[in-house]
Amino acid sequence: YTLGLKLSIPIPVFDRNQAGVQEARARQNSAASRWAAAVN
């Protein structure tokens, strides 16, 4: 009988969620613009 422990984690070499960050920043800018326009 053997008992084993396994740990795994992806290595962020190619995908570091660059697209997700860019998309979130675009939505952030859009929300800020809509708020400013609404004030006026």
All heavy atoms as atom14 arrays in JSON, in Angstrom:
{
  "sequence": "YTLGLKLSIPIPVFDRNQAGVQEARARQNSAASRWAAAVN",
  "atom14_mask": [
    [1, 1, 1, 1, 1, 1, 1, 1, 1, 1, 1, 1, 0, 0],
    [1, 1, 1, 1, 1, 1, 1, 0, 0, 0, 0, 0, 0, 0],
    [1, 1, 1, 1, 1, 1, 1, 1, 0, 0, 0, 0, 0, 0],
    [1, 1, 1, 1, 0, 0, 0, 0, 0, 0, 0, 0, 0, 0],
    [1, 1, 1, 1, 1, 1, 1, 1, 0, 0, 0, 0, 0, 0],
    [1, 1, 1, 1, 1, 1, 1, 1, 1, 0, 0, 0, 0, 0],
    [1, 1, 1, 1, 1, 1, 1, 1, 0, 0, 0, 0, 0, 0],
    [1, 1, 1, 1, 1, 1, 0, 0, 0, 0, 0, 0, 0, 0],
    [1, 1, 1, 1, 1, 1, 1, 1, 0, 0, 0, 0, 0, 0],
    [1, 1, 1, 1, 1, 1, 1, 0, 0, 0, 0, 0, 0, 0],
    [1, 1, 1, 1, 1, 1, 1, 1, 0, 0, 0, 0, 0, 0],
    [1, 1, 1, 1, 1, 1, 1, 0, 0, 0, 0, 0, 0, 0],
    [1, 1, 1, 1, 1, 1, 1, 0, 0, 0, 0, 0, 0, 0],
    [1, 1, 1, 1, 1, 1, 1, 1, 1, 1, 1, 0, 0, 0],
    [1, 1, 1, 1, 1, 1, 1, 1, 0, 0, 0, 0, 0, 0],
    [1, 1, 1, 1, 1, 1, 1, 1, 1, 1, 1, 0, 0, 0],
    [1, 1, 1, 1, 1, 1, 1, 1, 0, 0, 0, 0, 0, 0],
    [1, 1, 1, 1, 1, 1, 1, 1, 1, 0, 0, 0, 0, 0],
    [1, 1, 1, 1, 1, 0, 0, 0, 0, 0, 0, 0, 0, 0],
    [1, 1, 1, 1, 0, 0, 0, 0, 0, 0, 0, 0, 0, 0],
    [1, 1, 1, 1, 1, 1, 1, 0, 0, 0, 0, 0, 0, 0],
    [1, 1, 1, 1, 1, 1, 1, 1, 1, 0, 0, 0, 0, 0],
    [1, 1, 1, 1, 1, 1, 1, 1, 1, 0, 0, 0, 0, 0],
    [1, 1, 1, 1, 1, 0, 0, 0, 0, 0, 0, 0, 0, 0],
    [1, 1, 1, 1, 1, 1, 1, 1, 1, 1, 1, 0, 0, 0],
    [1, 1, 1, 1, 1, 0, 0, 0, 0, 0, 0, 0, 0, 0],
    [1, 1, 1, 1, 1, 1, 1, 1, 1, 1, 1, 0, 0, 0],
    [1, 1, 1, 1, 1, 1, 1, 1, 1, 0, 0, 0, 0, 0],
    [1, 1, 1, 1, 1, 1, 1, 1, 0, 0, 0, 0, 0, 0],
    [1, 1, 1, 1, 1, 1, 0, 0, 0, 0, 0, 0, 0, 0],
    [1, 1, 1, 1, 1, 0, 0, 0, 0, 0, 0, 0, 0, 0],
    [1, 1, 1, 1, 1, 0, 0, 0, 0, 0, 0, 0, 0, 0],
    [1, 1, 1, 1, 1, 1, 0, 0, 0, 0, 0, 0, 0, 0],
    [1, 1, 1, 1, 1, 1, 1, 1, 1, 1, 1, 0, 0, 0],
    [1, 1, 1, 1, 1, 1, 1, 1, 1, 1, 1, 1, 1, 1],
    [1, 1, 1, 1, 1, 0, 0, 0, 0, 0, 0, 0, 0, 0],
    [1, 1, 1, 1, 1, 0, 0, 0, 0, 0, 0, 0, 0, 0],
    [1, 1, 1, 1, 1, 0, 0, 0, 0, 0, 0, 0, 0, 0],
    [1, 1, 1, 1, 1, 1, 1, 0, 0, 0, 0, 0, 0, 0],
    [1, 1, 1, 1, 1, 1, 1, 1, 0, 0, 0, 0, 0, 0]
  ],
  "atom14_positions": [
    [[0.86, -1.2, 0.0], [0.0, 0.0, 0.0], [0.89, 1.25, 0.0], [1.86, 1.32, 0.77], [-0.9, 0.03, 1.24], [-1.95, -1.06, 1.24], [-1.67, -2.31, 1.79], [-3.2, -0.83, 0.69], [-2.63, -3.31, 1.79], [-4.16, -1.83, 0.69], [-3.89, -3.05, 1.23], [-4.84, -4.03, 1.24], [0.0, 0.0, 0.0], [0.0, 0.0, 0.0]],
    [[0.55, 2.19, -0.85], [1.29, 3.44, -0.91], [0.32, 4.63, -0.88], [-0.8, 4.55, -1.4], [2.15, 3.54, -2.18], [1.3, 3.41, -3.32], [3.22, 2.45, -2.21], [0.0, 0.0, 0.0], [0.0, 0.0, 0.0], [0.0, 0.0, 0.0], [0.0, 0.0, 0.0], [0.0, 0.0, 0.0], [0.0, 0.0, 0.0], [0.0, 0.0, 0.0]],
    [[0.75, 5.68, -0.24], [-0.03, 6.92, -0.16], [0.75, 8.03, -0.84], [1.91, 8.26, -0.5], [-0.31, 7.28, 1.3], [-1.18, 8.52, 1.54], [-2.61, 8.28, 1.03], [-1.22, 8.86, 3.03], [0.0, 0.0, 0.0], [0.0, 0.0, 0.0], [0.0, 0.0, 0.0], [0.0, 0.0, 0.0], [0.0, 0.0, 0.0], [0.0, 0.0, 0.0]],
    [[0.09, 8.69, -1.8], [0.79, 9.7, -2.57], [0.14, 11.07, -2.52], [-1.07, 11.18, -2.33], [0.0, 0.0, 0.0], [0.0, 0.0, 0.0], [0.0, 0.0, 0.0], [0.0, 0.0, 0.0], [0.0, 0.0, 0.0], [0.0, 0.0, 0.0], [0.0, 0.0, 0.0], [0.0, 0.0, 0.0], [0.0, 0.0, 0.0], [0.0, 0.0, 0.0]],
    [[0.93, 12.08, -2.67], [0.45, 13.47, -2.71], [0.86, 14.07, -4.05], [2.0, 13.9, -4.49], [1.08, 14.28, -1.56], [0.75, 15.77, -1.54], [-0.74, 15.98, -1.28], [1.58, 16.49, -0.48], [0.0, 0.0, 0.0], [0.0, 0.0, 0.0], [0.0, 0.0, 0.0], [0.0, 0.0, 0.0], [0.0, 0.0, 0.0], [0.0, 0.0, 0.0]],
    [[-0.1, 14.8, -4.68], [0.16, 15.36, -6.0], [-0.22, 16.83, -6.0], [-1.3, 17.22, -5.58], [-0.65, 14.61, -7.05], [-0.46, 15.12, -8.47], [-1.32, 14.33, -9.45], [-1.16, 14.84, -10.86], [-2.01, 14.09, -11.82], [0.0, 0.0, 0.0], [0.0, 0.0, 0.0], [0.0, 0.0, 0.0], [0.0, 0.0, 0.0], [0.0, 0.0, 0.0]],
    [[0.67, 17.67, -6.49], [0.43, 19.1, -6.66], [0.67, 19.46, -8.11], [1.67, 19.04, -8.71], [1.36, 19.92, -5.76], [1.23, 19.73, -4.25], [2.29, 20.53, -3.51], [-0.15, 20.11, -3.76], [0.0, 0.0, 0.0], [0.0, 0.0, 0.0], [0.0, 0.0, 0.0], [0.0, 0.0, 0.0], [0.0, 0.0, 0.0], [0.0, 0.0, 0.0]],
    [[-0.25, 20.26, -8.68], [-0.06, 20.69, -10.07], [-0.53, 22.12, -10.23], [-1.51, 22.55, -9.58], [-0.83, 19.77, -11.04], [-2.24, 19.87, -10.81], [0.0, 0.0, 0.0], [0.0, 0.0, 0.0], [0.0, 0.0, 0.0], [0.0, 0.0, 0.0], [0.0, 0.0, 0.0], [0.0, 0.0, 0.0], [0.0, 0.0, 0.0], [0.0, 0.0, 0.0]],
    [[0.17, 22.84, -11.07], [-0.17, 24.23, -11.34], [0.28, 24.57, -12.76], [1.4, 24.2, -13.17], [0.49, 25.19, -10.32], [0.01, 26.62, -10.53], [1.99, 25.09, -10.35], [0.44, 27.57, -9.4], [0.0, 0.0, 0.0], [0.0, 0.0, 0.0], [0.0, 0.0, 0.0], [0.0, 0.0, 0.0], [0.0, 0.0, 0.0], [0.0, 0.0, 0.0]],
    [[-0.57, 25.21, -13.55], [-0.16, 25.6, -14.9], [0.97, 26.62, -14.86], [1.05, 27.46, -13.95], [-1.43, 26.19, -15.51], [-2.56, 25.66, -14.68], [-2.0, 25.51, -13.31], [0.0, 0.0, 0.0], [0.0, 0.0, 0.0], [0.0, 0.0, 0.0], [0.0, 0.0, 0.0], [0.0, 0.0, 0.0], [0.0, 0.0, 0.0], [0.0, 0.0, 0.0]],
    [[1.83, 26.54, -15.86], [2.92, 27.51, -15.95], [2.48, 28.62, -16.91], [2.27, 28.37, -18.09], [4.21, 26.84, -16.47], [4.61, 25.7, -15.54], [5.33, 27.87, -16.58], [5.8, 24.91, -16.05], [0.0, 0.0, 0.0], [0.0, 0.0, 0.0], [0.0, 0.0, 0.0], [0.0, 0.0, 0.0], [0.0, 0.0, 0.0], [0.0, 0.0, 0.0]],
    [[2.32, 29.86, -16.41], [1.8, 30.96, -17.25], [2.86, 31.51, -18.21], [3.35, 32.63, -18.07], [1.39, 32.02, -16.22], [2.31, 31.78, -15.07], [2.57, 30.3, -15.02], [0.0, 0.0, 0.0], [0.0, 0.0, 0.0], [0.0, 0.0, 0.0], [0.0, 0.0, 0.0], [0.0, 0.0, 0.0], [0.0, 0.0, 0.0], [0.0, 0.0, 0.0]],
    [[3.19, 30.69, -19.2], [4.2, 31.1, -20.17], [3.55, 31.87, -21.32], [4.02, 32.94, -21.71], [4.96, 29.86, -20.71], [5.94, 30.27, -21.81], [5.68, 29.15, -19.58], [0.0, 0.0, 0.0], [0.0, 0.0, 0.0], [0.0, 0.0, 0.0], [0.0, 0.0, 0.0], [0.0, 0.0, 0.0], [0.0, 0.0, 0.0], [0.0, 0.0, 0.0]],
    [[2.46, 31.35, -21.88], [1.83, 31.96, -23.04], [0.6, 32.8, -22.66], [0.44, 33.92, -23.14], [1.43, 30.87, -24.04], [2.57, 29.99, -24.44], [2.63, 28.67, -24.03], [3.61, 30.49, -25.23], [3.7, 27.86, -24.4], [4.67, 29.68, -25.6], [4.72, 28.37, -25.18], [0.0, 0.0, 0.0], [0.0, 0.0, 0.0], [0.0, 0.0, 0.0]],
    [[-0.24, 32.22, -21.83], [-1.49, 32.9, -21.47], [-1.38, 33.41, -20.03], [-1.41, 32.64, -19.07], [-2.67, 31.93, -21.6], [-4.0, 32.63, -21.33], [-4.0, 33.85, -21.06], [-5.05, 31.96, -21.38], [0.0, 0.0, 0.0], [0.0, 0.0, 0.0], [0.0, 0.0, 0.0], [0.0, 0.0, 0.0], [0.0, 0.0, 0.0], [0.0, 0.0, 0.0]],
    [[-1.25, 34.7, -19.91], [-1.24, 35.34, -18.58], [-2.49, 36.21, -18.42], [-2.45, 37.24, -17.75], [0.04, 36.17, -18.4], [1.3, 35.33, -18.42], [2.54, 36.16, -18.12], [2.76, 37.22, -19.12], [3.37, 37.02, -20.29], [3.82, 35.82, -20.61], [3.51, 38.01, -21.13], [0.0, 0.0, 0.0], [0.0, 0.0, 0.0], [0.0, 0.0, 0.0]],
    [[-3.55, 35.8, -19.08], [-4.86, 36.48, -19.06], [-4.74, 37.92, -19.59], [-5.42, 38.83, -19.12], [-5.45, 36.48, -17.64], [-6.95, 36.75, -17.65], [-7.67, 36.32, -18.55], [-7.43, 37.48, -16.66], [0.0, 0.0, 0.0], [0.0, 0.0, 0.0], [0.0, 0.0, 0.0], [0.0, 0.0, 0.0], [0.0, 0.0, 0.0], [0.0, 0.0, 0.0]],
    [[-3.88, 38.09, -20.59], [-3.74, 39.43, -21.16], [-5.06, 39.92, -21.77], [-5.44, 41.09, -21.6], [-2.66, 39.43, -22.25], [-1.28, 38.96, -21.76], [-1.04, 37.49, -22.06], [-1.94, 36.68, -21.85], [0.17, 37.16, -22.51], [0.0, 0.0, 0.0], [0.0, 0.0, 0.0], [0.0, 0.0, 0.0], [0.0, 0.0, 0.0], [0.0, 0.0, 0.0]],
    [[-5.76, 39.0, -22.46], [-7.03, 39.4, -23.09], [-8.07, 39.76, -22.04], [-8.83, 40.73, -22.21], [-7.54, 38.26, -23.98], [0.0, 0.0, 0.0], [0.0, 0.0, 0.0], [0.0, 0.0, 0.0], [0.0, 0.0, 0.0], [0.0, 0.0, 0.0], [0.0, 0.0, 0.0], [0.0, 0.0, 0.0], [0.0, 0.0, 0.0], [0.0, 0.0, 0.0]],
    [[-8.11, 39.0, -20.95], [-9.07, 39.29, -19.9], [-8.83, 40.64, -19.25], [-9.77, 41.38, -18.95], [0.0, 0.0, 0.0], [0.0, 0.0, 0.0], [0.0, 0.0, 0.0], [0.0, 0.0, 0.0], [0.0, 0.0, 0.0], [0.0, 0.0, 0.0], [0.0, 0.0, 0.0], [0.0, 0.0, 0.0], [0.0, 0.0, 0.0], [0.0, 0.0, 0.0]],
    [[-7.55, 40.96, -19.03], [-7.21, 42.26, -18.44], [-7.6, 43.39, -19.39], [-8.17, 44.41, -18.96], [-5.71, 42.32, -18.12], [-5.31, 43.74, -17.7], [-5.38, 41.33, -17.01], [0.0, 0.0, 0.0], [0.0, 0.0, 0.0], [0.0, 0.0, 0.0], [0.0, 0.0, 0.0], [0.0, 0.0, 0.0], [0.0, 0.0, 0.0], [0.0, 0.0, 0.0]],
    [[-7.32, 43.22, -20.68], [-7.65, 44.25, -21.65], [-9.17, 44.45, -21.74], [-9.68, 45.58, -21.8], [-7.09, 43.89, -23.02], [-7.35, 44.94, -24.1], [-6.71, 44.58, -25.41], [-5.84, 43.7, -25.46], [-7.1, 45.24, -26.48], [0.0, 0.0, 0.0], [0.0, 0.0, 0.0], [0.0, 0.0, 0.0], [0.0, 0.0, 0.0], [0.0, 0.0, 0.0]],
    [[-9.91, 43.34, -21.72], [-11.36, 43.42, -21.78], [-11.92, 44.12, -20.54], [-12.82, 44.96, -20.63], [-11.94, 42.01, -21.9], [-13.45, 41.99, -22.07], [-13.98, 40.58, -22.18], [-13.18, 39.62, -22.1], [-15.21, 40.42, -22.35], [0.0, 0.0, 0.0], [0.0, 0.0, 0.0], [0.0, 0.0, 0.0], [0.0, 0.0, 0.0], [0.0, 0.0, 0.0]],
    [[-11.4, 43.76, -19.37], [-11.87, 44.38, -18.13], [-11.55, 45.87, -18.1], [-12.35, 46.69, -17.65], [-11.24, 43.68, -16.92], [0.0, 0.0, 0.0], [0.0, 0.0, 0.0], [0.0, 0.0, 0.0], [0.0, 0.0, 0.0], [0.0, 0.0, 0.0], [0.0, 0.0, 0.0], [0.0, 0.0, 0.0], [0.0, 0.0, 0.0], [0.0, 0.0, 0.0]],
    [[-10.38, 46.25, -18.61], [-10.01, 47.67, -18.64], [-10.93, 48.45, -19.59], [-11.32, 49.58, -19.31], [-8.54, 47.82, -19.04], [-8.06, 49.27, -19.01], [-6.56, 49.38, -19.19], [-5.83, 48.93, -18.01], [-5.1, 47.82, -17.96], [-4.98, 47.03, -19.03], [-4.47, 47.47, -16.85], [0.0, 0.0, 0.0], [0.0, 0.0, 0.0], [0.0, 0.0, 0.0]],
    [[-11.29, 47.81, -20.71], [-12.21, 48.47, -21.65], [-13.57, 48.7, -21.0], [-14.19, 49.76, -21.15], [-12.35, 47.64, -22.92], [0.0, 0.0, 0.0], [0.0, 0.0, 0.0], [0.0, 0.0, 0.0], [0.0, 0.0, 0.0], [0.0, 0.0, 0.0], [0.0, 0.0, 0.0], [0.0, 0.0, 0.0], [0.0, 0.0, 0.0], [0.0, 0.0, 0.0]],
    [[-14.08, 47.69, -20.28], [-15.37, 47.85, -19.6], [-15.28, 48.9, -18.51], [-16.22, 49.66, -18.28], [-15.82, 46.51, -19.0], [-16.3, 45.51, -20.04], [-17.11, 44.4, -19.38], [-16.31, 43.65, -18.44], [-15.65, 42.53, -18.74], [-15.68, 42.06, -19.99], [-14.94, 41.87, -17.84], [0.0, 0.0, 0.0], [0.0, 0.0, 0.0], [0.0, 0.0, 0.0]],
    [[-14.14, 48.97, -17.84], [-13.94, 49.99, -16.8], [-13.99, 51.39, -17.4], [-14.68, 52.28, -16.88], [-12.6, 49.75, -16.1], [-12.3, 50.74, -14.99], [-10.85, 50.65, -14.53], [-9.95, 50.56, -15.35], [-10.65, 50.65, -13.22], [0.0, 0.0, 0.0], [0.0, 0.0, 0.0], [0.0, 0.0, 0.0], [0.0, 0.0, 0.0], [0.0, 0.0, 0.0]],
    [[-13.3, 51.58, -18.51], [-13.31, 52.89, -19.16], [-14.7, 53.24, -19.69], [-15.13, 54.4, -19.62], [-12.29, 52.91, -20.3], [-10.86, 52.78, -19.81], [-10.55, 53.12, -18.67], [-9.98, 52.27, -20.66], [0.0, 0.0, 0.0], [0.0, 0.0, 0.0], [0.0, 0.0, 0.0], [0.0, 0.0, 0.0], [0.0, 0.0, 0.0], [0.0, 0.0, 0.0]],
    [[-15.39, 52.24, -20.22], [-16.74, 52.48, -20.73], [-17.68, 52.91, -19.61], [-18.48, 53.84, -19.77], [-17.27, 51.22, -21.41], [-18.61, 51.38, -21.81], [0.0, 0.0, 0.0], [0.0, 0.0, 0.0], [0.0, 0.0, 0.0], [0.0, 0.0, 0.0], [0.0, 0.0, 0.0], [0.0, 0.0, 0.0], [0.0, 0.0, 0.0], [0.0, 0.0, 0.0]],
    [[-17.62, 52.23, -18.47], [-18.48, 52.57, -17.34], [-18.19, 53.98, -16.84], [-19.11, 54.74, -16.51], [-18.3, 51.56, -16.21], [0.0, 0.0, 0.0], [0.0, 0.0, 0.0], [0.0, 0.0, 0.0], [0.0, 0.0, 0.0], [0.0, 0.0, 0.0], [0.0, 0.0, 0.0], [0.0, 0.0, 0.0], [0.0, 0.0, 0.0], [0.0, 0.0, 0.0]],
    [[-16.92, 54.35, -16.79], [-16.56, 55.7, -16.35], [-17.08, 56.75, -17.33], [-17.58, 57.81, -16.91], [-15.04, 55.81, -16.19], [0.0, 0.0, 0.0], [0.0, 0.0, 0.0], [0.0, 0.0, 0.0], [0.0, 0.0, 0.0], [0.0, 0.0, 0.0], [0.0, 0.0, 0.0], [0.0, 0.0, 0.0], [0.0, 0.0, 0.0], [0.0, 0.0, 0.0]],
    [[-16.99, 56.47, -18.62], [-17.48, 57.43, -19.62], [-19.0, 57.58, -19.53], [-19.52, 58.7, -19.64], [-17.07, 56.96, -21.02], [-15.67, 56.94, -21.16], [0.0, 0.0, 0.0], [0.0, 0.0, 0.0], [0.0, 0.0, 0.0], [0.0, 0.0, 0.0], [0.0, 0.0, 0.0], [0.0, 0.0, 0.0], [0.0, 0.0, 0.0], [0.0, 0.0, 0.0]],
    [[-19.71, 56.46, -19.36], [-21.17, 56.53, -19.27], [-21.6, 57.3, -18.02], [-22.58, 58.04, -18.04], [-21.76, 55.13, -19.28], [-21.78, 54.51, -20.67], [-22.51, 53.2, -20.73], [-21.69, 52.12, -20.2], [-21.97, 51.42, -19.12], [-23.05, 51.69, -18.43], [-21.18, 50.45, -18.72], [0.0, 0.0, 0.0], [0.0, 0.0, 0.0], [0.0, 0.0, 0.0]],
    [[-20.87, 57.12, -16.93], [-21.21, 57.86, -15.71], [-21.0, 59.36, -15.92], [-21.86, 60.17, -15.54], [-20.35, 57.37, -14.55], [-20.65, 58.07, -13.26], [-21.62, 57.77, -12.35], [-19.98, 59.23, -12.74], [-21.61, 58.64, -11.3], [-20.61, 59.56, -11.51], [-18.92, 60.01, -13.19], [-20.19, 60.65, -10.74], [-18.52, 61.09, -12.42], [-19.15, 61.4, -11.22]],
    [[-19.88, 59.74, -16.52], [-19.61, 61.17, -16.75], [-20.66, 61.77, -17.69], [-21.13, 62.9, -17.47], [-18.2, 61.35, -17.31], [0.0, 0.0, 0.0], [0.0, 0.0, 0.0], [0.0, 0.0, 0.0], [0.0, 0.0, 0.0], [0.0, 0.0, 0.0], [0.0, 0.0, 0.0], [0.0, 0.0, 0.0], [0.0, 0.0, 0.0], [0.0, 0.0, 0.0]],
    [[-21.02, 61.03, -18.73], [-22.04, 61.53, -19.66], [-23.38, 61.66, -18.96], [-24.14, 62.6, -19.23], [-22.15, 60.6, -20.86], [0.0, 0.0, 0.0], [0.0, 0.0, 0.0], [0.0, 0.0, 0.0], [0.0, 0.0, 0.0], [0.0, 0.0, 0.0], [0.0, 0.0, 0.0], [0.0, 0.0, 0.0], [0.0, 0.0, 0.0], [0.0, 0.0, 0.0]],
    [[-23.69, 60.73, -18.07], [-24.97, 60.78, -17.35], [-25.04, 62.01, -16.44], [-26.11, 62.61, -16.29], [-25.17, 59.51, -16.55], [0.0, 0.0, 0.0], [0.0, 0.0, 0.0], [0.0, 0.0, 0.0], [0.0, 0.0, 0.0], [0.0, 0.0, 0.0], [0.0, 0.0, 0.0], [0.0, 0.0, 0.0], [0.0, 0.0, 0.0], [0.0, 0.0, 0.0]],
    [[-23.93, 62.37, -15.82], [-23.91, 63.56, -14.95], [-24.28, 64.8, -15.76], [-25.13, 65.61, -15.35], [-22.53, 63.73, -14.29], [-22.44, 65.07, -13.58], [-22.26, 62.6, -13.31], [0.0, 0.0, 0.0], [0.0, 0.0, 0.0], [0.0, 0.0, 0.0], [0.0, 0.0, 0.0], [0.0, 0.0, 0.0], [0.0, 0.0, 0.0], [0.0, 0.0, 0.0]],
    [[-23.68, 64.94, -16.94], [-24.0, 66.1, -17.79], [-25.44, 66.04, -18.28], [-26.14, 67.07, -18.32], [-23.04, 66.13, -18.99], [-21.61, 66.41, -18.58], [-21.36, 67.07, -17.58], [-20.67, 65.9, -19.36], [0.0, 0.0, 0.0], [0.0, 0.0, 0.0], [0.0, 0.0, 0.0], [0.0, 0.0, 0.0], [0.0, 0.0, 0.0], [0.0, 0.0, 0.0]]
  ]
}
